[in-house]
Amino acid sequence: MRSFARPKVVLSRCIEFAKCRYDGSMIPSDFVKALEPHVDFLPVCAEMEIGLGVPRDSIRIVSINGEHRLVQPATGLDVTDKMRDFSSSFLASLQEVDGFILKYRSPSCGMKDIKVYSGSAKSTAVSKTAGFFGGAVVKTFPDLAIEDEGRLRNFNIREHFLTKLYALASFREMQKHGTVSDLIQFHTENKLLLAAHSQKEVKILGNIVANRESQNFADQARLYRMHLGEALKRPPRYTSKANVLNHSLGYFSEELSIDEKANFLRNIERFKERRLPFSALLAVLQSWIARFRVEYLRNQTLFEPFPEELIELCRDTQCEWSGSELFEGREAARGIRRS
């Protein structure tokens, strides 16, 4: 079992931490509750920080003479400048942070798809944009793990968020007191995980590590961190994951029978057809890693990118197969027809 760096996550305070929404309510989140023992949360309510109380009249984004303003229709109060000033000063004050979990569709904290109205009174939405604080977060920290609590209801998004969050936290800890040898070890242990996300970036990262004689550690680590964020920017594609599975299979080419290899290759095709979850194929590889003692694969973060206790948060309940079905291909037992 791996040890993990403890990520630092800025969180909209109204999510599980305080009844500070405009109507005095709190947003429940099973994800945040499950995550709390494993991360350091920094809760913040941008609207309270600029002097709005609880409860309070709601605010909205209004287009005035082509400019987006943040106003409180009931009072006519314009808090645009206060919100911009707070966002700038708060984000500049953050020393160490790996990710953000923000309130979904909030005019202050929302990441995107926030309605823009034509007026402060009763009016229709004319477009969509980012919230004032949420937009500043994305602009200031474009390569961190940033999501809203609405999108995190999707298990694929949760998995990518956690994978990125823990990879960035691990690198941050390594970078603080690390050496060139530590950077090489980080790249080695994360190579398959990064390859599953971006073949292009993993090659660039490999070249950065290999070029250690021409740069000092600090410069090398900064360059590596920039491309690490780019590599993890988007969730991995099915084809990239399939390539990593094929690559991993190569480590057992001398030990497995022809039938075992053929069955695994068939299961890779089923995965590409969305008929098997990635985790099921990883489980098979892990059994072979233990059986044949392949230390290089044993240390790959691909097989445990975040704490085991959080895996249930990312389980695809629509595509669960038992071990016998995976190894023996019993599609009929689950009512799945061959294509």
C-alpha atoms as a PDB file:
ATOM      1  CA  MET A   1       0.000   0.000   0.000  1.00  0.00           C
ATOM      2  CA  ARG A   2       1.335   3.402  -0.994  1.00  0.00           C
ATOM      3  CA  SER A   3       1.769   6.375   1.284  1.00  0.00           C
ATOM      4  CA  PHE A   4       0.215   9.588   0.002  1.00  0.00           C
ATOM      5  CA  ALA A   5       0.918  13.286   0.313  1.00  0.00           C
ATOM      6  CA  ARG A   6      -1.973  15.125   1.944  1.00  0.00           C
ATOM      7  CA  PRO A   7      -3.544  17.468  -0.640  1.00  0.00           C
ATOM      8  CA  LYS A   8      -4.519  21.029   0.229  1.00  0.00           C
ATOM      9  CA  VAL A   9      -7.934  21.933  -1.170  1.00  0.00           C
ATOM     10  CA  VAL A  10      -9.790  25.253  -1.127  1.00  0.00           C
ATOM     11  CA  LEU A  11     -13.510  24.582  -0.683  1.00  0.00           C
ATOM     12  CA  SER A  12     -16.629  26.711  -0.949  1.00  0.00           C
ATOM     13  CA  ARG A  13     -17.612  26.875   2.718  1.00  0.00           C
ATOM     14  CA  CYS A  14     -21.295  26.277   2.034  1.00  0.00           C
ATOM     15  CA  ILE A  15     -20.453  22.710   0.942  1.00  0.00           C
ATOM     16  CA  GLU A  16     -20.653  20.577   4.100  1.00  0.00           C
ATOM     17  CA  PHE A  17     -18.870  23.137   6.295  1.00  0.00           C
ATOM     18  CA  ALA A  18     -21.291  25.950   7.156  1.00  0.00           C
ATOM     19  CA  LYS A  19     -24.840  27.184   6.618  1.00  0.00           C
ATOM     20  CA  CYS A  20     -23.697  30.236   4.734  1.00  0.00           C
ATOM     21  CA  ARG A  21     -25.674  30.171   1.489  1.00  0.00           C
ATOM     22  CA  TYR A  22     -27.820  33.211   0.735  1.00  0.00           C
ATOM     23  CA  ASP A  23     -30.837  31.444   2.287  1.00  0.00           C
ATOM     24  CA  GLY A  24     -28.926  30.177   5.328  1.00  0.00           C
ATOM     25  CA  SER A  25     -28.641  26.613   4.052  1.00  0.00           C
ATOM     26  CA  MET A  26     -25.685  24.263   3.554  1.00  0.00           C
ATOM     27  CA  ILE A  27     -24.989  22.025   0.547  1.00  0.00           C
ATOM     28  CA  PRO A  28     -24.675  18.323   1.453  1.00  0.00           C
ATOM     29  CA  SER A  29     -21.921  16.405  -0.342  1.00  0.00           C
ATOM     30  CA  ASP A  30     -21.076  12.758   0.273  1.00  0.00           C
ATOM     31  CA  PHE A  31     -17.927  13.268  -1.776  1.00  0.00           C
ATOM     32  CA  VAL A  32     -16.632  16.078   0.441  1.00  0.00           C
ATOM     33  CA  LYS A  33     -17.500  14.127   3.599  1.00  0.00           C
ATOM     34  CA  ALA A  34     -15.592  11.091   2.351  1.00  0.00           C
ATOM     35  CA  LEU A  35     -12.653  13.224   1.265  1.00  0.00           C
ATOM     36  CA  GLU A  36     -12.315  15.234   4.483  1.00  0.00           C
ATOM     37  CA  PRO A  37     -10.203  12.683   6.439  1.00  0.00           C
ATOM     38  CA  HIS A  38      -7.688  12.544   3.597  1.00  0.00           C
ATOM     39  CA  VAL A  39      -7.100  16.204   2.669  1.00  0.00           C
ATOM     40  CA  ASP A  40      -6.600  19.573   4.327  1.00  0.00           C
ATOM     41  CA  PHE A  41      -9.600  21.731   3.448  1.00  0.00           C
ATOM     42  CA  LEU A  42      -9.446  25.520   3.417  1.00  0.00           C
ATOM     43  CA  PRO A  43     -13.130  26.606   3.449  1.00  0.00           C
ATOM     44  CA  VAL A  44     -13.990  30.061   2.164  1.00  0.00           C
ATOM     45  CA  CYS A  45     -17.214  31.930   1.412  1.00  0.00           C
ATOM     46  CA  ALA A  46     -16.429  34.696  -1.046  1.00  0.00           C
ATOM     47  CA  GLU A  47     -19.779  36.424  -0.530  1.00  0.00           C
ATOM     48  CA  MET A  48     -19.375  36.601   3.246  1.00  0.00           C
ATOM     49  CA  GLU A  49     -15.782  37.775   2.849  1.00  0.00           C
ATOM     50  CA  ILE A  50     -16.985  40.880   0.997  1.00  0.00           C
ATOM     51  CA  GLY A  51     -19.444  41.737   3.770  1.00  0.00           C
ATOM     52  CA  LEU A  52     -22.682  40.030   2.713  1.00  0.00           C
ATOM     53  CA  GLY A  53     -24.427  38.431   5.684  1.00  0.00           C
ATOM     54  CA  VAL A  54     -26.461  35.257   6.219  1.00  0.00           C
ATOM     55  CA  PRO A  55     -29.218  35.134   5.192  1.00  0.00           C
ATOM     56  CA  ARG A  56     -28.865  37.691   2.402  1.00  0.00           C
ATOM     57  CA  ASP A  57     -30.594  38.745  -0.759  1.00  0.00           C
ATOM     58  CA  SER A  58     -29.256  36.795  -3.715  1.00  0.00           C
ATOM     59  CA  ILE A  59     -26.793  38.270  -6.180  1.00  0.00           C
ATOM     60  CA  ARG A  60     -26.548  37.800  -9.936  1.00  0.00           C
ATOM     61  CA  ILE A  61     -24.308  38.679 -12.858  1.00  0.00           C
ATOM     62  CA  VAL A  62     -25.786  41.455 -14.989  1.00  0.00           C
ATOM     63  CA  SER A  63     -24.608  42.805 -18.328  1.00  0.00           C
ATOM     64  CA  ILE A  64     -24.440  46.611 -18.086  1.00  0.00           C
ATOM     65  CA  ASN A  65     -23.163  48.496 -21.127  1.00  0.00           C
ATOM     66  CA  GLY A  66     -21.376  45.351 -22.275  1.00  0.00           C
ATOM     67  CA  GLU A  67     -19.651  44.779 -18.914  1.00  0.00           C
ATOM     68  CA  HIS A  68     -20.447  42.007 -16.459  1.00  0.00           C
ATOM     69  CA  ARG A  69     -21.322  43.343 -13.004  1.00  0.00           C
ATOM     70  CA  LEU A  70     -22.153  41.474  -9.813  1.00  0.00           C
ATOM     71  CA  VAL A  71     -25.226  43.036  -8.252  1.00  0.00           C
ATOM     72  CA  GLN A  72     -27.856  42.407  -5.593  1.00  0.00           C
ATOM     73  CA  PRO A  73     -31.182  43.127  -7.343  1.00  0.00           C
ATOM     74  CA  ALA A  74     -33.229  43.589  -4.163  1.00  0.00           C
ATOM     75  CA  THR A  75     -30.987  46.389  -2.866  1.00  0.00           C
ATOM     76  CA  GLY A  76     -29.292  47.645  -6.028  1.00  0.00           C
ATOM     77  CA  LEU A  77     -25.908  47.008  -4.379  1.00  0.00           C
ATOM     78  CA  ASP A  78     -23.030  46.504  -6.828  1.00  0.00           C
ATOM     79  CA  VAL A  79     -20.316  44.296  -5.302  1.00  0.00           C
ATOM     80  CA  THR A  80     -18.233  43.799  -8.448  1.00  0.00           C
ATOM     81  CA  ASP A  81     -15.154  45.670  -7.277  1.00  0.00           C
ATOM     82  CA  LYS A  82     -15.265  44.148  -3.796  1.00  0.00           C
ATOM     83  CA  MET A  83     -15.446  40.649  -5.246  1.00  0.00           C
ATOM     84  CA  ARG A  84     -12.618  41.305  -7.675  1.00  0.00           C
ATOM     85  CA  ASP A  85     -10.427  42.761  -4.933  1.00  0.00           C
ATOM     86  CA  PHE A  86     -11.139  39.881  -2.569  1.00  0.00           C
ATOM     87  CA  SER A  87     -10.530  37.248  -5.256  1.00  0.00           C
ATOM     88  CA  SER A  88      -7.215  38.807  -6.211  1.00  0.00           C
ATOM     89  CA  SER A  89      -5.919  39.193  -2.642  1.00  0.00           C
ATOM     90  CA  PHE A  90      -7.143  35.805  -1.408  1.00  0.00           C
ATOM     91  CA  LEU A  91      -5.708  33.828  -4.313  1.00  0.00           C
ATOM     92  CA  ALA A  92      -2.406  35.707  -4.090  1.00  0.00           C
ATOM     93  CA  SER A  93      -2.178  34.778  -0.402  1.00  0.00           C
ATOM     94  CA  LEU A  94      -2.333  31.029  -1.003  1.00  0.00           C
ATOM     95  CA  GLN A  95       1.079  29.516  -0.351  1.00  0.00           C
ATOM     96  CA  GLU A  96       0.374  25.858  -1.068  1.00  0.00           C
ATOM     97  CA  VAL A  97      -2.728  24.545  -2.781  1.00  0.00           C
ATOM     98  CA  ASP A  98      -3.403  21.527  -4.988  1.00  0.00           C
ATOM     99  CA  GLY A  99      -7.068  21.928  -5.866  1.00  0.00           C
ATOM    100  CA  PHE A 100     -10.428  23.651  -5.477  1.00  0.00           C
ATOM    101  CA  ILE A 101     -13.989  22.378  -5.010  1.00  0.00           C
ATOM    102  CA  LEU A 102     -16.400  25.204  -5.802  1.00  0.00           C
ATOM    103  CA  LYS A 103     -20.140  25.783  -5.582  1.00  0.00           C
ATOM    104  CA  TYR A 104     -21.963  24.743  -8.730  1.00  0.00           C
ATOM    105  CA  ARG A 105     -23.492  27.582 -10.800  1.00  0.00           C
ATOM    106  CA  SER A 106     -22.848  30.235  -8.164  1.00  0.00           C
ATOM    107  CA  PRO A 107     -22.466  33.810  -9.522  1.00  0.00           C
ATOM    108  CA  SER A 108     -19.497  34.156  -7.200  1.00  0.00           C
ATOM    109  CA  CYS A 109     -17.880  30.691  -7.053  1.00  0.00           C
ATOM    110  CA  GLY A 110     -19.111  28.920 -10.186  1.00  0.00           C
ATOM    111  CA  MET A 111     -16.507  27.770 -12.704  1.00  0.00           C
ATOM    112  CA  LYS A 112     -18.694  28.180 -15.781  1.00  0.00           C
ATOM    113  CA  ASP A 113     -22.255  28.177 -17.133  1.00  0.00           C
ATOM    114  CA  ILE A 114     -23.348  30.996 -14.811  1.00  0.00           C
ATOM    115  CA  LYS A 115     -26.314  32.915 -16.171  1.00  0.00           C
ATOM    116  CA  VAL A 116     -25.780  36.515 -17.215  1.00  0.00           C
ATOM    117  CA  TYR A 117     -28.941  38.634 -17.044  1.00  0.00           C
ATOM    118  CA  SER A 118     -29.928  41.655 -19.071  1.00  0.00           C
ATOM    119  CA  GLY A 119     -30.970  43.598 -15.972  1.00  0.00           C
ATOM    120  CA  SER A 120     -30.909  43.511 -12.188  1.00  0.00           C
ATOM    121  CA  ALA A 121     -34.686  43.301 -11.865  1.00  0.00           C
ATOM    122  CA  LYS A 122     -36.849  40.592 -13.411  1.00  0.00           C
ATOM    123  CA  SER A 123     -35.143  39.794 -16.693  1.00  0.00           C
ATOM    124  CA  THR A 124     -34.063  36.899 -18.860  1.00  0.00           C
ATOM    125  CA  ALA A 125     -30.627  35.328 -19.092  1.00  0.00           C
ATOM    126  CA  VAL A 126     -28.791  36.455 -22.218  1.00  0.00           C
ATOM    127  CA  SER A 127     -25.563  34.445 -21.965  1.00  0.00           C
ATOM    128  CA  LYS A 128     -23.390  32.392 -19.627  1.00  0.00           C
ATOM    129  CA  THR A 129     -19.998  32.989 -18.061  1.00  0.00           C
ATOM    130  CA  ALA A 130     -17.800  32.050 -15.098  1.00  0.00           C
ATOM    131  CA  GLY A 131     -18.517  33.308 -11.590  1.00  0.00           C
ATOM    132  CA  PHE A 132     -16.332  36.175 -10.400  1.00  0.00           C
ATOM    133  CA  PHE A 133     -14.362  34.202  -7.797  1.00  0.00           C
ATOM    134  CA  GLY A 134     -14.526  30.892  -9.687  1.00  0.00           C
ATOM    135  CA  GLY A 135     -13.338  32.525 -12.885  1.00  0.00           C
ATOM    136  CA  ALA A 136     -10.417  34.103 -11.045  1.00  0.00           C
ATOM    137  CA  VAL A 137      -9.487  30.691  -9.613  1.00  0.00           C
ATOM    138  CA  VAL A 138      -9.349  29.076 -13.057  1.00  0.00           C
ATOM    139  CA  LYS A 139      -7.383  32.006 -14.489  1.00  0.00           C
ATOM    140  CA  THR A 140      -4.885  32.101 -11.607  1.00  0.00           C
ATOM    141  CA  PHE A 141      -4.392  28.344 -11.257  1.00  0.00           C
ATOM    142  CA  PRO A 142      -5.190  26.860 -14.687  1.00  0.00           C
ATOM    143  CA  ASP A 143      -3.337  23.608 -14.061  1.00  0.00           C
ATOM    144  CA  LEU A 144      -4.623  22.691 -10.586  1.00  0.00           C
ATOM    145  CA  ALA A 145      -7.377  20.165  -9.847  1.00  0.00           C
ATOM    146  CA  ILE A 146     -10.458  22.417 -10.006  1.00  0.00           C
ATOM    147  CA  GLU A 147     -14.061  21.214 -10.039  1.00  0.00           C
ATOM    148  CA  ASP A 148     -17.492  22.193  -8.786  1.00  0.00           C
ATOM    149  CA  GLU A 149     -19.649  20.024  -6.590  1.00  0.00           C
ATOM    150  CA  GLY A 150     -22.182  19.550  -9.368  1.00  0.00           C
ATOM    151  CA  ARG A 151     -19.742  18.050 -11.865  1.00  0.00           C
ATOM    152  CA  LEU A 152     -18.206  15.888  -9.146  1.00  0.00           C
ATOM    153  CA  ARG A 153     -21.406  13.834  -9.084  1.00  0.00           C
ATOM    154  CA  ASN A 154     -20.081  12.168 -12.245  1.00  0.00           C
ATOM    155  CA  PHE A 155     -17.800   9.248 -11.345  1.00  0.00           C
ATOM    156  CA  ASN A 156     -15.428   9.807 -14.311  1.00  0.00           C
ATOM    157  CA  ILE A 157     -14.923  13.428 -13.280  1.00  0.00           C
ATOM    158  CA  ARG A 158     -14.407  12.390  -9.644  1.00  0.00           C
ATOM    159  CA  GLU A 159     -11.765   9.862 -10.666  1.00  0.00           C
ATOM    160  CA  HIS A 160      -9.863  12.363 -12.794  1.00  0.00           C
ATOM    161  CA  PHE A 161     -10.107  15.028 -10.070  1.00  0.00           C
ATOM    162  CA  LEU A 162      -8.680  12.692  -7.416  1.00  0.00           C
ATOM    163  CA  THR A 163      -5.971  11.334  -9.698  1.00  0.00           C
ATOM    164  CA  LYS A 164      -4.807  14.825 -10.605  1.00  0.00           C
ATOM    165  CA  LEU A 165      -5.138  16.116  -7.042  1.00  0.00           C
ATOM    166  CA  TYR A 166      -2.933  13.423  -5.537  1.00  0.00           C
ATOM    167  CA  ALA A 167      -0.360  13.556  -8.333  1.00  0.00           C
ATOM    168  CA  LEU A 168       0.026  17.317  -7.873  1.00  0.00           C
ATOM    169  CA  ALA A 169       0.199  17.008  -4.079  1.00  0.00           C
ATOM    170  CA  SER A 170       2.871  14.321  -4.374  1.00  0.00           C
ATOM    171  CA  PHE A 171       4.924  16.482  -6.704  1.00  0.00           C
ATOM    172  CA  ARG A 172       4.537  19.540  -4.457  1.00  0.00           C
ATOM    173  CA  GLU A 173       5.900  17.610  -1.482  1.00  0.00           C
ATOM    174  CA  MET A 174       8.762  16.191  -3.537  1.00  0.00           C
ATOM    175  CA  GLN A 175       9.647  19.591  -4.975  1.00  0.00           C
ATOM    176  CA  LYS A 176       9.979  21.249  -1.546  1.00  0.00           C
ATOM    177  CA  HIS A 177      12.952  19.226  -0.334  1.00  0.00           C
ATOM    178  CA  GLY A 178      13.723  16.927  -3.235  1.00  0.00           C
ATOM    179  CA  THR A 179      16.734  16.204  -5.385  1.00  0.00           C
ATOM    180  CA  VAL A 180      17.276  15.209  -8.993  1.00  0.00           C
ATOM    181  CA  SER A 181      17.111  11.581  -7.860  1.00  0.00           C
ATOM    182  CA  ASP A 182      13.704  12.224  -6.284  1.00  0.00           C
ATOM    183  CA  LEU A 183      12.455  13.772  -9.531  1.00  0.00           C
ATOM    184  CA  ILE A 184      13.645  10.738 -11.478  1.00  0.00           C
ATOM    185  CA  GLN A 185      11.860   8.453  -9.024  1.00  0.00           C
ATOM    186  CA  PHE A 186       8.652  10.507  -9.284  1.00  0.00           C
ATOM    187  CA  HIS A 187       8.709  10.270 -13.066  1.00  0.00           C
ATOM    188  CA  THR A 188       9.496   6.558 -13.007  1.00  0.00           C
ATOM    189  CA  GLU A 189       6.645   5.732 -10.622  1.00  0.00           C
ATOM    190  CA  ASN A 190       4.130   7.911 -12.494  1.00  0.00           C
ATOM    191  CA  LYS A 191       5.183   6.998 -16.023  1.00  0.00           C
ATOM    192  CA  LEU A 192       2.250   4.713 -16.867  1.00  0.00           C
ATOM    193  CA  LEU A 193      -0.275   7.043 -15.238  1.00  0.00           C
ATOM    194  CA  LEU A 194       1.048   9.960 -17.275  1.00  0.00           C
ATOM    195  CA  ALA A 195       1.191   7.873 -20.455  1.00  0.00           C
ATOM    196  CA  ALA A 196      -2.497   7.054 -19.991  1.00  0.00           C
ATOM    197  CA  HIS A 197      -3.235  10.789 -19.960  1.00  0.00           C
ATOM    198  CA  SER A 198      -0.901  12.129 -22.657  1.00  0.00           C
ATOM    199  CA  GLN A 199       1.679  10.296 -24.770  1.00  0.00           C
ATOM    200  CA  LYS A 200       2.966  13.657 -25.997  1.00  0.00           C
ATOM    201  CA  GLU A 201       3.559  15.128 -22.548  1.00  0.00           C
ATOM    202  CA  VAL A 202       5.060  11.964 -21.038  1.00  0.00           C
ATOM    203  CA  LYS A 203       7.767  12.091 -23.728  1.00  0.00           C
ATOM    204  CA  ILE A 204       8.469  15.741 -22.918  1.00  0.00           C
ATOM    205  CA  LEU A 205       8.609  14.932 -19.197  1.00  0.00           C
ATOM    206  CA  GLY A 206      10.993  12.063 -19.897  1.00  0.00           C
ATOM    207  CA  ASN A 207      13.298  14.396 -21.819  1.00  0.00           C
ATOM    208  CA  ILE A 208      13.257  16.903 -18.946  1.00  0.00           C
ATOM    209  CA  VAL A 209      14.322  14.202 -16.492  1.00  0.00           C
ATOM    210  CA  ALA A 210      16.986  12.877 -18.864  1.00  0.00           C
ATOM    211  CA  ASN A 211      18.440  16.384 -19.323  1.00  0.00           C
ATOM    212  CA  ARG A 212      19.478  16.694 -15.682  1.00  0.00           C
ATOM    213  CA  GLU A 213      23.091  17.706 -16.362  1.00  0.00           C
ATOM    214  CA  SER A 214      22.201  20.986 -18.096  1.00  0.00           C
ATOM    215  CA  GLN A 215      19.877  22.361 -15.374  1.00  0.00           C
ATOM    216  CA  ASN A 216      19.842  22.642 -11.605  1.00  0.00           C
ATOM    217  CA  PHE A 217      17.100  20.831  -9.700  1.00  0.00           C
ATOM    218  CA  ALA A 218      14.959  23.928  -9.066  1.00  0.00           C
ATOM    219  CA  ASP A 219      14.773  24.879 -12.751  1.00  0.00           C
ATOM    220  CA  GLN A 220      14.286  21.279 -13.816  1.00  0.00           C
ATOM    221  CA  ALA A 221      11.473  20.780 -11.293  1.00  0.00           C
ATOM    222  CA  ARG A 222       9.697  23.993 -12.355  1.00  0.00           C
ATOM    223  CA  LEU A 223       9.776  22.934 -16.000  1.00  0.00           C
ATOM    224  CA  TYR A 224       8.612  19.439 -15.092  1.00  0.00           C
ATOM    225  CA  ARG A 225       5.743  20.837 -13.009  1.00  0.00           C
ATOM    226  CA  MET A 226       4.536  22.952 -15.919  1.00  0.00           C
ATOM    227  CA  HIS A 227       4.305  19.938 -18.224  1.00  0.00           C
ATOM    228  CA  LEU A 228       2.892  17.734 -15.450  1.00  0.00           C
ATOM    229  CA  GLY A 229      -0.086  20.080 -15.222  1.00  0.00           C
ATOM    230  CA  GLU A 230      -0.485  19.957 -18.989  1.00  0.00           C
ATOM    231  CA  ALA A 231      -0.326  16.150 -19.011  1.00  0.00           C
ATOM    232  CA  LEU A 232      -3.085  15.872 -16.412  1.00  0.00           C
ATOM    233  CA  LYS A 233      -5.227  18.636 -17.893  1.00  0.00           C
ATOM    234  CA  ARG A 234      -7.830  16.285 -19.360  1.00  0.00           C
ATOM    235  CA  PRO A 235      -9.122  12.830 -18.444  1.00  0.00           C
ATOM    236  CA  PRO A 236      -7.363  10.011 -20.316  1.00  0.00           C
ATOM    237  CA  ARG A 237      -8.914   8.665 -23.496  1.00  0.00           C
ATOM    238  CA  TYR A 238      -9.954   5.047 -23.858  1.00  0.00           C
ATOM    239  CA  THR A 239      -7.353   4.544 -26.582  1.00  0.00           C
ATOM    240  CA  SER A 240      -4.552   5.876 -24.355  1.00  0.00           C
ATOM    241  CA  LYS A 241      -5.637   3.625 -21.511  1.00  0.00           C
ATOM    242  CA  ALA A 242      -5.739   0.658 -23.887  1.00  0.00           C
ATOM    243  CA  ASN A 243      -2.180   1.446 -25.010  1.00  0.00           C
ATOM    244  CA  VAL A 244      -1.012   1.401 -21.394  1.00  0.00           C
ATOM    245  CA  LEU A 245      -2.736  -1.941 -20.812  1.00  0.00           C
ATOM    246  CA  ASN A 246      -1.005  -3.405 -23.869  1.00  0.00           C
ATOM    247  CA  HIS A 247       2.325  -2.004 -22.708  1.00  0.00           C
ATOM    248  CA  SER A 248       1.854  -3.495 -19.230  1.00  0.00           C
ATOM    249  CA  LEU A 249       0.996  -6.880 -20.713  1.00  0.00           C
ATOM    250  CA  GLY A 250       4.444  -6.926 -22.292  1.00  0.00           C
ATOM    251  CA  TYR A 251       6.064  -7.300 -18.867  1.00  0.00           C
ATOM    252  CA  PHE A 252       4.490 -10.762 -18.567  1.00  0.00           C
ATOM    253  CA  SER A 253       5.097 -12.000 -22.117  1.00  0.00           C
ATOM    254  CA  GLU A 254       7.466 -14.762 -20.977  1.00  0.00           C
ATOM    255  CA  GLU A 255       5.352 -15.931 -18.038  1.00  0.00           C
ATOM    256  CA  LEU A 256       1.788 -16.088 -19.364  1.00  0.00           C
ATOM    257  CA  SER A 257       0.282 -18.813 -21.486  1.00  0.00           C
ATOM    258  CA  ILE A 258      -0.945 -18.092 -25.000  1.00  0.00           C
ATOM    259  CA  ASP A 259      -4.536 -18.405 -23.791  1.00  0.00           C
ATOM    260  CA  GLU A 260      -3.990 -15.989 -20.892  1.00  0.00           C
ATOM    261  CA  LYS A 261      -2.501 -13.360 -23.175  1.00  0.00           C
ATOM    262  CA  ALA A 262      -5.220 -13.830 -25.780  1.00  0.00           C
ATOM    263  CA  ASN A 263      -7.944 -13.520 -23.150  1.00  0.00           C
ATOM    264  CA  PHE A 264      -6.429 -10.311 -21.788  1.00  0.00           C
ATOM    265  CA  LEU A 265      -6.206  -8.846 -25.284  1.00  0.00           C
ATOM    266  CA  ARG A 266      -9.885  -9.697 -25.814  1.00  0.00           C
ATOM    267  CA  ASN A 267     -10.706  -7.942 -22.568  1.00  0.00           C
ATOM    268  CA  ILE A 268      -8.821  -4.854 -23.741  1.00  0.00           C
ATOM    269  CA  GLU A 269     -11.106  -4.796 -26.774  1.00  0.00           C
ATOM    270  CA  ARG A 270     -14.135  -5.114 -24.482  1.00  0.00           C
ATOM    271  CA  PHE A 271     -12.816  -2.174 -22.487  1.00  0.00           C
ATOM    272  CA  LYS A 272     -12.469  -0.095 -25.669  1.00  0.00           C
ATOM    273  CA  GLU A 273     -16.080  -1.011 -26.495  1.00  0.00           C
ATOM    274  CA  ARG A 274     -17.164   0.234 -23.015  1.00  0.00           C
ATOM    275  CA  ARG A 275     -18.081  -3.318 -21.970  1.00  0.00           C
ATOM    276  CA  LEU A 276     -15.466  -3.656 -19.204  1.00  0.00           C
ATOM    277  CA  PRO A 277     -14.264  -1.077 -16.661  1.00  0.00           C
ATOM    278  CA  PHE A 278     -10.600  -0.083 -16.615  1.00  0.00           C
ATOM    279  CA  SER A 279     -10.378  -1.098 -12.962  1.00  0.00           C
ATOM    280  CA  ALA A 280     -11.196  -4.707 -13.839  1.00  0.00           C
ATOM    281  CA  LEU A 281      -8.224  -4.956 -16.180  1.00  0.00           C
ATOM    282  CA  LEU A 282      -5.975  -3.268 -13.638  1.00  0.00           C
ATOM    283  CA  ALA A 283      -7.050  -5.906 -11.113  1.00  0.00           C
ATOM    284  CA  VAL A 284      -5.889  -8.672 -13.456  1.00  0.00           C
ATOM    285  CA  LEU A 285      -2.549  -6.935 -13.965  1.00  0.00           C
ATOM    286  CA  GLN A 286      -2.162  -6.520 -10.208  1.00  0.00           C
ATOM    287  CA  SER A 287      -2.705 -10.244  -9.690  1.00  0.00           C
ATOM    288  CA  TRP A 288       0.058 -10.947 -12.204  1.00  0.00           C
ATOM    289  CA  ILE A 289       2.334  -8.362 -10.589  1.00  0.00           C
ATOM    290  CA  ALA A 290       2.018 -10.204  -7.276  1.00  0.00           C
ATOM    291  CA  ARG A 291       2.329 -13.611  -8.918  1.00  0.00           C
ATOM    292  CA  PHE A 292       5.433 -12.810 -10.967  1.00  0.00           C
ATOM    293  CA  ARG A 293       6.915 -10.135  -8.676  1.00  0.00           C
ATOM    294  CA  VAL A 294       7.316  -7.430 -11.295  1.00  0.00           C
ATOM    295  CA  GLU A 295       8.685  -4.640  -9.104  1.00  0.00           C
ATOM    296  CA  TYR A 296       8.614  -1.928 -11.764  1.00  0.00           C
ATOM    297  CA  LEU A 297       4.865  -2.316 -12.186  1.00  0.00           C
ATOM    298  CA  ARG A 298       4.284  -2.811  -8.465  1.00  0.00           C
ATOM    299  CA  ASN A 299       5.513   0.735  -7.851  1.00  0.00           C
ATOM    300  CA  GLN A 300       3.421   2.359 -10.596  1.00  0.00           C
ATOM    301  CA  THR A 301       0.897   4.905  -9.311  1.00  0.00           C
ATOM    302  CA  LEU A 302      -1.442   3.861 -12.121  1.00  0.00           C
ATOM    303  CA  PHE A 303      -2.582   0.971  -9.929  1.00  0.00           C
ATOM    304  CA  GLU A 304      -3.252   3.134  -6.862  1.00  0.00           C
ATOM    305  CA  PRO A 305      -3.403   6.825  -7.824  1.00  0.00           C
ATOM    306  CA  PHE A 306      -5.169   7.847  -4.593  1.00  0.00           C
ATOM    307  CA  PRO A 307      -5.984   6.238  -1.215  1.00  0.00           C
ATOM    308  CA  GLU A 308      -7.815   2.935  -1.311  1.00  0.00           C
ATOM    309  CA  GLU A 309     -10.562   4.332   0.925  1.00  0.00           C
ATOM    310  CA  LEU A 310     -11.564   6.722  -1.868  1.00  0.00           C
ATOM    311  CA  ILE A 311     -11.827   4.092  -4.595  1.00  0.00           C
ATOM    312  CA  GLU A 312     -15.519   3.490  -3.857  1.00  0.00           C
ATOM    313  CA  LEU A 313     -16.159   7.116  -4.813  1.00  0.00           C
ATOM    314  CA  CYS A 314     -14.970   6.311  -8.326  1.00  0.00           C
ATOM    315  CA  ARG A 315     -16.551   2.930  -8.919  1.00  0.00           C
ATOM    316  CA  ASP A 316     -18.513   2.576 -12.140  1.00  0.00           C
ATOM    317  CA  THR A 317     -21.643   0.856 -10.860  1.00  0.00           C
ATOM    318  CA  GLN A 318     -22.936   0.538 -14.420  1.00  0.00           C
ATOM    319  CA  CYS A 319     -20.098  -1.765 -15.424  1.00  0.00           C
ATOM    320  CA  GLU A 320     -19.244  -4.147 -12.570  1.00  0.00           C
ATOM    321  CA  TRP A 321     -17.960  -7.600 -13.432  1.00  0.00           C
ATOM    322  CA  SER A 322     -17.014 -10.436 -11.107  1.00  0.00           C
ATOM    323  CA  GLY A 323     -13.608 -12.088 -11.299  1.00  0.00           C
ATOM    324  CA  SER A 324     -14.964 -15.229 -12.957  1.00  0.00           C
ATOM    325  CA  GLU A 325     -16.677 -13.195 -15.671  1.00  0.00           C
ATOM    326  CA  LEU A 326     -13.487 -11.303 -16.386  1.00  0.00           C
ATOM    327  CA  PHE A 327     -11.196 -14.303 -16.537  1.00  0.00           C
ATOM    328  CA  GLU A 328     -13.640 -16.634 -18.284  1.00  0.00           C
ATOM    329  CA  GLY A 329     -15.559 -14.136 -20.422  1.00  0.00           C
ATOM    330  CA  ARG A 330     -19.038 -15.073 -19.202  1.00  0.00           C
ATOM    331  CA  GLU A 331     -20.957 -12.260 -20.836  1.00  0.00           C
ATOM    332  CA  ALA A 332     -24.151 -14.308 -20.860  1.00  0.00           C
ATOM    333  CA  ALA A 333     -24.179 -14.419 -17.068  1.00  0.00           C
ATOM    334  CA  ARG A 334     -24.723 -10.659 -17.061  1.00  0.00           C
ATOM    335  CA  GLY A 335     -26.987 -10.472 -20.091  1.00  0.00           C
ATOM    336  CA  ILE A 336     -24.327  -8.868 -22.284  1.00  0.00           C
ATOM    337  CA  ARG A 337     -24.439 -10.001 -25.889  1.00  0.00           C
ATOM    338  CA  ARG A 338     -21.383 -10.392 -28.043  1.00  0.00           C
ATOM    339  CA  SER A 339     -21.148  -7.775 -30.760  1.00  0.00           C
END
